[in-house]
Amino acid sequence: MSRQLHEEIRDKQKATWNKFSGGWKKWDEVVMSFLSPMGQAMIDYLKPIELHSILDIAAGTGEPGLTMASMMKRGKVTITDLAEEMLVAAKEKAVMRRISNISFHACDVMHMPFPDNNYDAVSCRFGFMFFPDMQLAANEMYRVLKPGGRIAAAVWDVPEKNFWVTATMGTIMRMMNLVPPPPEEPGMFRCAKPDRMKEIFTKAGFSDYKEIEIKSFLKTGTADKYWEMITEVGAPIAAALSLADDELYQKIKQEVTGLIQANYPKEVAIEGNAIILMAYK
């Protein structure tokens, strides 16, 4: 993939995430509750209380960086994201929670403005699958990490273990006759292929690589709330639905909410599975 194509994908993603920052802010409590077990697994590995400097990449509205900053005795967390509007929400949360040992930088993970060997730890929760070039991103993470430093990242497991998103996306793909993107292109399940991330981390220079699986549940209460949430935070879902006319949109909505209601008649709590990637420099 050429640098020009990298930049085109990056710029499109930046515009998309800035556009959807309002939805992420609106649903922050629900989404952060869902993603909390993955963030906690990363925190348990990185042990921020012992560290002086952490870089949290593609942090969106601020996690797990804000939580790690609140745990550190003398250290500081640097939070980055490609989308400035996502960082606005993260800054608001930092002020509200009175977390001051933190800084924010809007930047491209493949070309980060930080010195070599600068951080004790690097975290990246659900960013890898969207990076135009995952190898370049891993290389950059390795570059800025101090020797002996730790990295922890979270990526989504296979579609079969993530009904929280396939319930909607699978219905859209089928009813709109959409062709799945090539496996090398950015997408939700791009990192789930066995050994793919191990190869990337190893090539970047990391050692002692290991993976664990973490399960969580997306709790929206009702099927209608699920639909509202998934279409307001799911950029790929909203992009696909924008191509549907009103009649088809309503048919898709009816099928998805019916599917959710049938599977969760009392309370919507949909299983999601992630893989936590851990390694040393």
C-alpha atoms as a PDB file:
ATOM      1  CA  MET A   1       0.000   0.000   0.000  1.00  0.00           C
ATOM      2  CA  SER A   2       1.474   3.361  -1.048  1.00  0.00           C
ATOM      3  CA  ARG A   3       1.904   6.302   1.285  1.00  0.00           C
ATOM      4  CA  GLN A   4      -0.602   8.258  -0.800  1.00  0.00           C
ATOM      5  CA  LEU A   5      -3.220   5.562  -0.223  1.00  0.00           C
ATOM      6  CA  HIS A   6      -2.321   5.491   3.482  1.00  0.00           C
ATOM      7  CA  GLU A   7      -2.976   9.208   3.672  1.00  0.00           C
ATOM      8  CA  GLU A   8      -6.269   8.952   1.769  1.00  0.00           C
ATOM      9  CA  ILE A   9      -7.534   6.267   4.158  1.00  0.00           C
ATOM     10  CA  ARG A  10      -6.265   8.217   7.163  1.00  0.00           C
ATOM     11  CA  ASP A  11      -7.934  11.459   6.086  1.00  0.00           C
ATOM     12  CA  LYS A  12     -11.229   9.672   5.427  1.00  0.00           C
ATOM     13  CA  GLN A  13     -11.088   7.992   8.825  1.00  0.00           C
ATOM     14  CA  LYS A  14     -10.265  11.279  10.533  1.00  0.00           C
ATOM     15  CA  ALA A  15     -13.302  12.950   8.999  1.00  0.00           C
ATOM     16  CA  THR A  16     -15.512   9.978   9.895  1.00  0.00           C
ATOM     17  CA  TRP A  17     -14.456   9.764  13.545  1.00  0.00           C
ATOM     18  CA  ASN A  18     -14.759  13.518  13.977  1.00  0.00           C
ATOM     19  CA  LYS A  19     -18.289  13.253  12.557  1.00  0.00           C
ATOM     20  CA  PHE A  20     -19.244  10.460  14.957  1.00  0.00           C
ATOM     21  CA  SER A  21     -17.631  11.973  18.051  1.00  0.00           C
ATOM     22  CA  GLY A  22     -21.032  13.278  19.184  1.00  0.00           C
ATOM     23  CA  GLY A  23     -22.481   9.774  19.145  1.00  0.00           C
ATOM     24  CA  TRP A  24     -19.543   8.417  21.137  1.00  0.00           C
ATOM     25  CA  LYS A  25     -19.996  11.179  23.688  1.00  0.00           C
ATOM     26  CA  LYS A  26     -23.746  10.466  23.942  1.00  0.00           C
ATOM     27  CA  TRP A  27     -23.254   6.719  24.430  1.00  0.00           C
ATOM     28  CA  ASP A  28     -20.009   6.956  26.375  1.00  0.00           C
ATOM     29  CA  GLU A  29     -21.304   5.281  29.542  1.00  0.00           C
ATOM     30  CA  VAL A  30     -22.750   2.301  27.654  1.00  0.00           C
ATOM     31  CA  VAL A  31     -19.732   1.851  25.373  1.00  0.00           C
ATOM     32  CA  MET A  32     -17.137   2.305  28.104  1.00  0.00           C
ATOM     33  CA  SER A  33     -18.930  -0.220  30.312  1.00  0.00           C
ATOM     34  CA  PHE A  34     -18.814  -2.694  27.425  1.00  0.00           C
ATOM     35  CA  LEU A  35     -15.119  -2.097  26.757  1.00  0.00           C
ATOM     36  CA  SER A  36     -14.062  -1.905  30.400  1.00  0.00           C
ATOM     37  CA  PRO A  37     -13.045  -5.596  30.802  1.00  0.00           C
ATOM     38  CA  MET A  38     -10.704  -5.285  27.822  1.00  0.00           C
ATOM     39  CA  GLY A  39      -9.196  -2.102  29.212  1.00  0.00           C
ATOM     40  CA  GLN A  40      -8.810  -3.684  32.633  1.00  0.00           C
ATOM     41  CA  ALA A  41      -6.936  -6.654  31.175  1.00  0.00           C
ATOM     42  CA  MET A  42      -4.532  -4.223  29.497  1.00  0.00           C
ATOM     43  CA  ILE A  43      -4.102  -2.269  32.724  1.00  0.00           C
ATOM     44  CA  ASP A  44      -3.420  -5.455  34.695  1.00  0.00           C
ATOM     45  CA  TYR A  45      -0.585  -6.282  32.299  1.00  0.00           C
ATOM     46  CA  LEU A  46       0.927  -2.804  32.083  1.00  0.00           C
ATOM     47  CA  LYS A  47       0.761  -2.091  35.850  1.00  0.00           C
ATOM     48  CA  PRO A  48       0.553   1.724  35.495  1.00  0.00           C
ATOM     49  CA  ILE A  49       0.989   2.430  39.212  1.00  0.00           C
ATOM     50  CA  GLU A  50       4.678   1.496  38.809  1.00  0.00           C
ATOM     51  CA  LEU A  51       5.303   3.576  35.676  1.00  0.00           C
ATOM     52  CA  HIS A  52       6.356   7.136  34.879  1.00  0.00           C
ATOM     53  CA  SER A  53       5.162   7.538  31.295  1.00  0.00           C
ATOM     54  CA  ILE A  54       2.456   5.818  29.228  1.00  0.00           C
ATOM     55  CA  LEU A  55       1.346   6.439  25.658  1.00  0.00           C
ATOM     56  CA  ASP A  56      -2.312   5.558  24.964  1.00  0.00           C
ATOM     57  CA  ILE A  57      -2.891   5.402  21.200  1.00  0.00           C
ATOM     58  CA  ALA A  58      -6.231   5.762  19.381  1.00  0.00           C
ATOM     59  CA  ALA A  59      -7.838   6.431  22.751  1.00  0.00           C
ATOM     60  CA  GLY A  60     -10.978   8.092  21.400  1.00  0.00           C
ATOM     61  CA  THR A  61     -12.878   9.503  24.378  1.00  0.00           C
ATOM     62  CA  GLY A  62      -9.975   8.717  26.685  1.00  0.00           C
ATOM     63  CA  GLU A  63      -9.837   5.125  27.847  1.00  0.00           C
ATOM     64  CA  PRO A  64      -7.934   3.298  29.158  1.00  0.00           C
ATOM     65  CA  GLY A  65      -5.571   6.272  29.390  1.00  0.00           C
ATOM     66  CA  LEU A  66      -7.664   8.269  31.876  1.00  0.00           C
ATOM     67  CA  THR A  67      -8.009   5.318  34.235  1.00  0.00           C
ATOM     68  CA  MET A  68      -4.279   4.609  34.068  1.00  0.00           C
ATOM     69  CA  ALA A  69      -3.446   8.256  34.764  1.00  0.00           C
ATOM     70  CA  SER A  70      -5.677   8.188  37.857  1.00  0.00           C
ATOM     71  CA  MET A  71      -3.711   5.185  39.169  1.00  0.00           C
ATOM     72  CA  MET A  72      -0.201   6.571  38.718  1.00  0.00           C
ATOM     73  CA  LYS A  73       1.630   8.024  41.715  1.00  0.00           C
ATOM     74  CA  ARG A  74       4.070  10.301  39.890  1.00  0.00           C
ATOM     75  CA  GLY A  75       3.675   9.412  36.244  1.00  0.00           C
ATOM     76  CA  LYS A  76       1.904  10.917  33.254  1.00  0.00           C
ATOM     77  CA  VAL A  77      -0.172   9.571  30.377  1.00  0.00           C
ATOM     78  CA  THR A  78      -0.098  10.909  26.828  1.00  0.00           C
ATOM     79  CA  ILE A  79      -3.378  10.291  25.004  1.00  0.00           C
ATOM     80  CA  THR A  80      -3.494  10.359  21.211  1.00  0.00           C
ATOM     81  CA  ASP A  81      -6.159   9.988  18.568  1.00  0.00           C
ATOM     82  CA  LEU A  82      -6.439  10.822  14.903  1.00  0.00           C
ATOM     83  CA  ALA A  83      -9.696  12.744  15.434  1.00  0.00           C
ATOM     84  CA  GLU A  84      -9.495  16.036  17.316  1.00  0.00           C
ATOM     85  CA  GLU A  85     -13.194  15.966  18.224  1.00  0.00           C
ATOM     86  CA  MET A  86     -12.785  12.632  20.002  1.00  0.00           C
ATOM     87  CA  LEU A  87     -10.030  14.171  22.097  1.00  0.00           C
ATOM     88  CA  VAL A  88     -12.328  17.063  23.031  1.00  0.00           C
ATOM     89  CA  ALA A  89     -14.581  14.541  24.751  1.00  0.00           C
ATOM     90  CA  ALA A  90     -11.552  12.940  26.442  1.00  0.00           C
ATOM     91  CA  LYS A  91     -10.415  16.335  27.747  1.00  0.00           C
ATOM     92  CA  GLU A  92     -13.879  17.042  29.147  1.00  0.00           C
ATOM     93  CA  LYS A  93     -13.822  13.718  31.002  1.00  0.00           C
ATOM     94  CA  ALA A  94     -10.357  14.481  32.386  1.00  0.00           C
ATOM     95  CA  VAL A  95     -11.571  17.818  33.762  1.00  0.00           C
ATOM     96  CA  MET A  96     -14.714  16.257  35.212  1.00  0.00           C
ATOM     97  CA  ARG A  97     -12.675  13.530  36.921  1.00  0.00           C
ATOM     98  CA  ARG A  98      -9.959  15.999  38.003  1.00  0.00           C
ATOM     99  CA  ILE A  99      -7.202  14.093  36.248  1.00  0.00           C
ATOM    100  CA  SER A 100      -4.340  16.482  35.515  1.00  0.00           C
ATOM    101  CA  ASN A 101      -1.339  14.200  34.872  1.00  0.00           C
ATOM    102  CA  ILE A 102      -2.308  13.791  31.248  1.00  0.00           C
ATOM    103  CA  SER A 103      -1.701  15.409  27.864  1.00  0.00           C
ATOM    104  CA  PHE A 104      -3.490  15.118  24.530  1.00  0.00           C
ATOM    105  CA  HIS A 105      -2.127  14.962  20.993  1.00  0.00           C
ATOM    106  CA  ALA A 106      -4.007  14.558  17.712  1.00  0.00           C
ATOM    107  CA  CYS A 107      -1.645  12.591  15.477  1.00  0.00           C
ATOM    108  CA  ASP A 108      -1.236   9.764  12.993  1.00  0.00           C
ATOM    109  CA  VAL A 109      -0.013   6.547  14.644  1.00  0.00           C
ATOM    110  CA  MET A 110       2.181   5.778  11.638  1.00  0.00           C
ATOM    111  CA  HIS A 111       4.103   9.048  12.050  1.00  0.00           C
ATOM    112  CA  MET A 112       4.048   9.964  15.747  1.00  0.00           C
ATOM    113  CA  PRO A 113       5.757  13.176  16.932  1.00  0.00           C
ATOM    114  CA  PHE A 114       7.481  11.553  19.913  1.00  0.00           C
ATOM    115  CA  PRO A 115      11.174  10.741  20.521  1.00  0.00           C
ATOM    116  CA  ASP A 116      12.643   7.252  20.394  1.00  0.00           C
ATOM    117  CA  ASN A 117      12.678   5.232  23.639  1.00  0.00           C
ATOM    118  CA  ASN A 118      10.351   7.707  25.347  1.00  0.00           C
ATOM    119  CA  TYR A 119       7.613   5.704  27.131  1.00  0.00           C
ATOM    120  CA  ASP A 120       7.542   2.990  29.784  1.00  0.00           C
ATOM    121  CA  ALA A 121       4.399   1.483  28.250  1.00  0.00           C
ATOM    122  CA  VAL A 122       2.163   1.739  25.197  1.00  0.00           C
ATOM    123  CA  SER A 123      -1.530   0.881  25.057  1.00  0.00           C
ATOM    124  CA  CYS A 124      -3.902   0.716  22.106  1.00  0.00           C
ATOM    125  CA  ARG A 125      -7.485  -0.425  22.638  1.00  0.00           C
ATOM    126  CA  PHE A 126      -9.319  -1.234  19.368  1.00  0.00           C
ATOM    127  CA  GLY A 127      -7.217   0.927  17.103  1.00  0.00           C
ATOM    128  CA  PHE A 128      -5.113  -1.578  15.177  1.00  0.00           C
ATOM    129  CA  MET A 129      -7.873  -2.837  12.877  1.00  0.00           C
ATOM    130  CA  PHE A 130      -8.400   0.675  11.491  1.00  0.00           C
ATOM    131  CA  PHE A 131      -4.749   1.602  10.866  1.00  0.00           C
ATOM    132  CA  PRO A 132      -3.975   1.793   7.123  1.00  0.00           C
ATOM    133  CA  ASP A 133      -0.709  -0.090   7.698  1.00  0.00           C
ATOM    134  CA  MET A 134      -0.645  -2.139  10.893  1.00  0.00           C
ATOM    135  CA  GLN A 135       3.029  -2.983  10.511  1.00  0.00           C
ATOM    136  CA  LEU A 136       4.075   0.648  10.314  1.00  0.00           C
ATOM    137  CA  ALA A 137       1.925   1.362  13.363  1.00  0.00           C
ATOM    138  CA  ALA A 138       3.558  -1.461  15.343  1.00  0.00           C
ATOM    139  CA  ASN A 139       6.991  -0.260  14.232  1.00  0.00           C
ATOM    140  CA  GLU A 140       6.221   3.223  15.546  1.00  0.00           C
ATOM    141  CA  MET A 141       4.994   1.835  18.868  1.00  0.00           C
ATOM    142  CA  TYR A 142       8.225  -0.128  19.186  1.00  0.00           C
ATOM    143  CA  ARG A 143      10.276   2.981  18.354  1.00  0.00           C
ATOM    144  CA  VAL A 144       8.757   5.185  21.065  1.00  0.00           C
ATOM    145  CA  LEU A 145       8.804   2.471  23.752  1.00  0.00           C
ATOM    146  CA  LYS A 146      11.764   2.292  26.133  1.00  0.00           C
ATOM    147  CA  PRO A 147      13.866  -0.903  26.172  1.00  0.00           C
ATOM    148  CA  GLY A 148      12.157  -3.332  28.532  1.00  0.00           C
ATOM    149  CA  GLY A 149       8.863  -1.461  28.198  1.00  0.00           C
ATOM    150  CA  ARG A 150       5.525  -3.204  27.758  1.00  0.00           C
ATOM    151  CA  ILE A 151       2.825  -2.923  25.134  1.00  0.00           C
ATOM    152  CA  ALA A 152      -0.809  -4.010  25.426  1.00  0.00           C
ATOM    153  CA  ALA A 153      -3.429  -3.804  22.693  1.00  0.00           C
ATOM    154  CA  ALA A 154      -6.977  -5.043  22.199  1.00  0.00           C
ATOM    155  CA  VAL A 155      -8.474  -6.232  18.899  1.00  0.00           C
ATOM    156  CA  TRP A 156     -11.781  -7.883  18.084  1.00  0.00           C
ATOM    157  CA  ASP A 157     -12.005 -11.661  17.873  1.00  0.00           C
ATOM    158  CA  VAL A 158     -13.761 -13.483  14.993  1.00  0.00           C
ATOM    159  CA  PRO A 159     -17.243 -12.380  13.825  1.00  0.00           C
ATOM    160  CA  GLU A 160     -18.859 -15.516  15.254  1.00  0.00           C
ATOM    161  CA  LYS A 161     -17.962 -14.295  18.752  1.00  0.00           C
ATOM    162  CA  ASN A 162     -19.180 -10.719  18.254  1.00  0.00           C
ATOM    163  CA  PHE A 163     -22.925 -10.784  17.696  1.00  0.00           C
ATOM    164  CA  TRP A 164     -23.111  -7.259  19.136  1.00  0.00           C
ATOM    165  CA  VAL A 165     -21.938  -5.944  15.767  1.00  0.00           C
ATOM    166  CA  THR A 166     -22.645  -8.798  13.318  1.00  0.00           C
ATOM    167  CA  ALA A 167     -26.348  -8.708  14.201  1.00  0.00           C
ATOM    168  CA  THR A 168     -26.496  -5.350  12.439  1.00  0.00           C
ATOM    169  CA  MET A 169     -23.638  -5.505   9.952  1.00  0.00           C
ATOM    170  CA  GLY A 170     -24.493  -9.018   8.804  1.00  0.00           C
ATOM    171  CA  THR A 171     -28.103  -7.994   8.157  1.00  0.00           C
ATOM    172  CA  ILE A 172     -26.994  -4.906   6.258  1.00  0.00           C
ATOM    173  CA  MET A 173     -24.542  -6.863   4.112  1.00  0.00           C
ATOM    174  CA  ARG A 174     -27.185  -9.457   3.240  1.00  0.00           C
ATOM    175  CA  MET A 175     -30.122  -7.130   2.600  1.00  0.00           C
ATOM    176  CA  MET A 176     -28.071  -4.611   0.638  1.00  0.00           C
ATOM    177  CA  ASN A 177     -26.014  -7.229  -1.243  1.00  0.00           C
ATOM    178  CA  LEU A 178     -22.759  -5.604  -0.154  1.00  0.00           C
ATOM    179  CA  VAL A 179     -19.386  -7.224  -0.806  1.00  0.00           C
ATOM    180  CA  PRO A 180     -17.129  -7.599   2.269  1.00  0.00           C
ATOM    181  CA  PRO A 181     -13.926  -5.538   2.113  1.00  0.00           C
ATOM    182  CA  PRO A 182     -10.680  -7.346   1.260  1.00  0.00           C
ATOM    183  CA  PRO A 183      -9.079  -8.830   4.416  1.00  0.00           C
ATOM    184  CA  GLU A 184      -6.074  -6.500   4.160  1.00  0.00           C
ATOM    185  CA  GLU A 185      -8.198  -3.357   4.297  1.00  0.00           C
ATOM    186  CA  PRO A 186      -9.187  -1.675   7.585  1.00  0.00           C
ATOM    187  CA  GLY A 187     -12.161  -3.403   9.194  1.00  0.00           C
ATOM    188  CA  MET A 188     -13.554  -4.725  12.470  1.00  0.00           C
ATOM    189  CA  PHE A 189     -12.209  -8.275  12.235  1.00  0.00           C
ATOM    190  CA  ARG A 190      -9.017  -7.640  10.339  1.00  0.00           C
ATOM    191  CA  CYS A 191      -6.845  -8.654  13.309  1.00  0.00           C
ATOM    192  CA  ALA A 192      -8.661 -11.890  14.176  1.00  0.00           C
ATOM    193  CA  LYS A 193      -6.774 -14.093  11.724  1.00  0.00           C
ATOM    194  CA  PRO A 194      -4.651 -16.597  13.716  1.00  0.00           C
ATOM    195  CA  ASP A 195      -1.024 -15.476  14.215  1.00  0.00           C
ATOM    196  CA  ARG A 196      -1.496 -12.309  12.197  1.00  0.00           C
ATOM    197  CA  MET A 197      -0.836  -9.934  15.074  1.00  0.00           C
ATOM    198  CA  LYS A 198       1.944 -12.141  16.432  1.00  0.00           C
ATOM    199  CA  GLU A 199       3.736 -11.832  13.089  1.00  0.00           C
ATOM    200  CA  ILE A 200       3.311  -8.060  13.065  1.00  0.00           C
ATOM    201  CA  PHE A 201       4.547  -7.613  16.639  1.00  0.00           C
ATOM    202  CA  THR A 202       7.474  -9.966  16.111  1.00  0.00           C
ATOM    203  CA  LYS A 203       8.518  -8.217  12.902  1.00  0.00           C
ATOM    204  CA  ALA A 204       8.393  -4.869  14.717  1.00  0.00           C
ATOM    205  CA  GLY A 205      10.884  -6.261  17.249  1.00  0.00           C
ATOM    206  CA  PHE A 206       8.700  -7.114  20.249  1.00  0.00           C
ATOM    207  CA  SER A 207       9.398 -10.231  22.323  1.00  0.00           C
ATOM    208  CA  ASP A 208       7.554 -12.467  24.819  1.00  0.00           C
ATOM    209  CA  TYR A 209       4.365 -12.044  22.795  1.00  0.00           C
ATOM    210  CA  LYS A 210       1.203 -13.583  24.195  1.00  0.00           C
ATOM    211  CA  GLU A 211      -2.560 -13.347  23.784  1.00  0.00           C
ATOM    212  CA  ILE A 212      -5.570 -13.804  26.030  1.00  0.00           C
ATOM    213  CA  GLU A 213      -9.274 -13.748  25.197  1.00  0.00           C
ATOM    214  CA  ILE A 214     -11.623 -11.420  27.074  1.00  0.00           C
ATOM    215  CA  LYS A 215     -15.424 -11.555  26.998  1.00  0.00           C
ATOM    216  CA  SER A 216     -17.801  -8.698  27.741  1.00  0.00           C
ATOM    217  CA  PHE A 217     -21.466  -7.793  27.249  1.00  0.00           C
ATOM    218  CA  LEU A 218     -23.006  -4.793  25.517  1.00  0.00           C
ATOM    219  CA  LYS A 219     -25.967  -3.789  27.676  1.00  0.00           C
ATOM    220  CA  THR A 220     -28.510  -1.458  26.092  1.00  0.00           C
ATOM    221  CA  GLY A 221     -31.657  -2.604  27.863  1.00  0.00           C
ATOM    222  CA  THR A 222     -33.915  -2.711  24.798  1.00  0.00           C
ATOM    223  CA  ALA A 223     -33.588  -3.617  21.126  1.00  0.00           C
ATOM    224  CA  ASP A 224     -34.565  -0.081  20.092  1.00  0.00           C
ATOM    225  CA  LYS A 225     -31.812   1.389  22.268  1.00  0.00           C
ATOM    226  CA  TYR A 226     -29.377  -1.079  20.754  1.00  0.00           C
ATOM    227  CA  TRP A 227     -30.297   0.103  17.241  1.00  0.00           C
ATOM    228  CA  GLU A 228     -30.000   3.744  18.241  1.00  0.00           C
ATOM    229  CA  MET A 229     -26.605   3.187  19.816  1.00  0.00           C
ATOM    230  CA  ILE A 230     -25.066   1.003  17.100  1.00  0.00           C
ATOM    231  CA  THR A 231     -26.079   3.404  14.323  1.00  0.00           C
ATOM    232  CA  GLU A 232     -24.767   6.451  16.194  1.00  0.00           C
ATOM    233  CA  VAL A 233     -21.335   5.079  17.129  1.00  0.00           C
ATOM    234  CA  GLY A 234     -20.730   2.527  14.356  1.00  0.00           C
ATOM    235  CA  ALA A 235     -19.211   4.512  11.512  1.00  0.00           C
ATOM    236  CA  PRO A 236     -19.083   1.570   9.026  1.00  0.00           C
ATOM    237  CA  ILE A 237     -22.711   0.744   9.841  1.00  0.00           C
ATOM    238  CA  ALA A 238     -23.891   4.305   9.360  1.00  0.00           C
ATOM    239  CA  ALA A 239     -21.909   4.572   6.118  1.00  0.00           C
ATOM    240  CA  ALA A 240     -23.599   1.463   4.713  1.00  0.00           C
ATOM    241  CA  LEU A 241     -27.062   2.574   5.838  1.00  0.00           C
ATOM    242  CA  SER A 242     -26.578   5.946   4.146  1.00  0.00           C
ATOM    243  CA  LEU A 243     -26.790   4.080   0.825  1.00  0.00           C
ATOM    244  CA  ALA A 244     -30.227   2.637   1.615  1.00  0.00           C
ATOM    245  CA  ASP A 245     -33.498   4.381   0.772  1.00  0.00           C
ATOM    246  CA  ASP A 246     -36.059   4.969   3.519  1.00  0.00           C
ATOM    247  CA  GLU A 247     -37.992   1.796   2.802  1.00  0.00           C
ATOM    248  CA  LEU A 248     -34.919  -0.437   2.897  1.00  0.00           C
ATOM    249  CA  TYR A 249     -33.613   1.353   5.987  1.00  0.00           C
ATOM    250  CA  GLN A 250     -36.815   0.600   7.863  1.00  0.00           C
ATOM    251  CA  LYS A 251     -36.756  -3.036   6.739  1.00  0.00           C
ATOM    252  CA  ILE A 252     -33.190  -3.436   7.988  1.00  0.00           C
ATOM    253  CA  LYS A 253     -34.057  -1.743  11.282  1.00  0.00           C
ATOM    254  CA  GLN A 254     -37.105  -3.961  11.749  1.00  0.00           C
ATOM    255  CA  GLU A 255     -35.124  -7.129  11.058  1.00  0.00           C
ATOM    256  CA  VAL A 256     -32.227  -6.180  13.323  1.00  0.00           C
ATOM    257  CA  THR A 257     -34.385  -5.094  16.262  1.00  0.00           C
ATOM    258  CA  GLY A 258     -36.520  -8.217  15.804  1.00  0.00           C
ATOM    259  CA  LEU A 259     -33.396 -10.383  15.846  1.00  0.00           C
ATOM    260  CA  ILE A 260     -32.120  -8.712  19.000  1.00  0.00           C
ATOM    261  CA  GLN A 261     -35.495  -8.949  20.717  1.00  0.00           C
ATOM    262  CA  ALA A 262     -35.800 -12.644  19.841  1.00  0.00           C
ATOM    263  CA  ASN A 263     -32.366 -13.422  21.285  1.00  0.00           C
ATOM    264  CA  TYR A 264     -32.699 -11.168  24.338  1.00  0.00           C
ATOM    265  CA  PRO A 265     -36.415 -10.996  25.236  1.00  0.00           C
ATOM    266  CA  LYS A 266     -35.884  -9.668  28.771  1.00  0.00           C
ATOM    267  CA  GLU A 267     -32.835  -7.431  28.634  1.00  0.00           C
ATOM    268  CA  VAL A 268     -30.353  -6.783  25.856  1.00  0.00           C
ATOM    269  CA  ALA A 269     -26.864  -7.906  26.926  1.00  0.00           C
ATOM    270  CA  ILE A 270     -24.972  -9.045  23.833  1.00  0.00           C
ATOM    271  CA  GLU A 271     -21.719 -10.955  24.057  1.00  0.00           C
ATOM    272  CA  GLY A 272     -18.539  -9.572  22.553  1.00  0.00           C
ATOM    273  CA  ASN A 273     -15.096 -11.165  22.457  1.00  0.00           C
ATOM    274  CA  ALA A 274     -11.727  -9.482  22.148  1.00  0.00           C
ATOM    275  CA  ILE A 275      -8.114 -10.589  22.041  1.00  0.00           C
ATOM    276  CA  ILE A 276      -5.602  -8.804  24.267  1.00  0.00           C
ATOM    277  CA  LEU A 277      -2.118  -8.664  22.769  1.00  0.00           C
ATOM    278  CA  MET A 278       0.840  -8.295  25.132  1.00  0.00           C
ATOM    279  CA  ALA A 279       4.590  -8.046  24.568  1.00  0.00           C
ATOM    280  CA  TYR A 280       7.892  -6.472  25.683  1.00  0.00           C
ATOM    281  CA  LYS A 281      10.482  -4.416  23.873  1.00  0.00           C
END
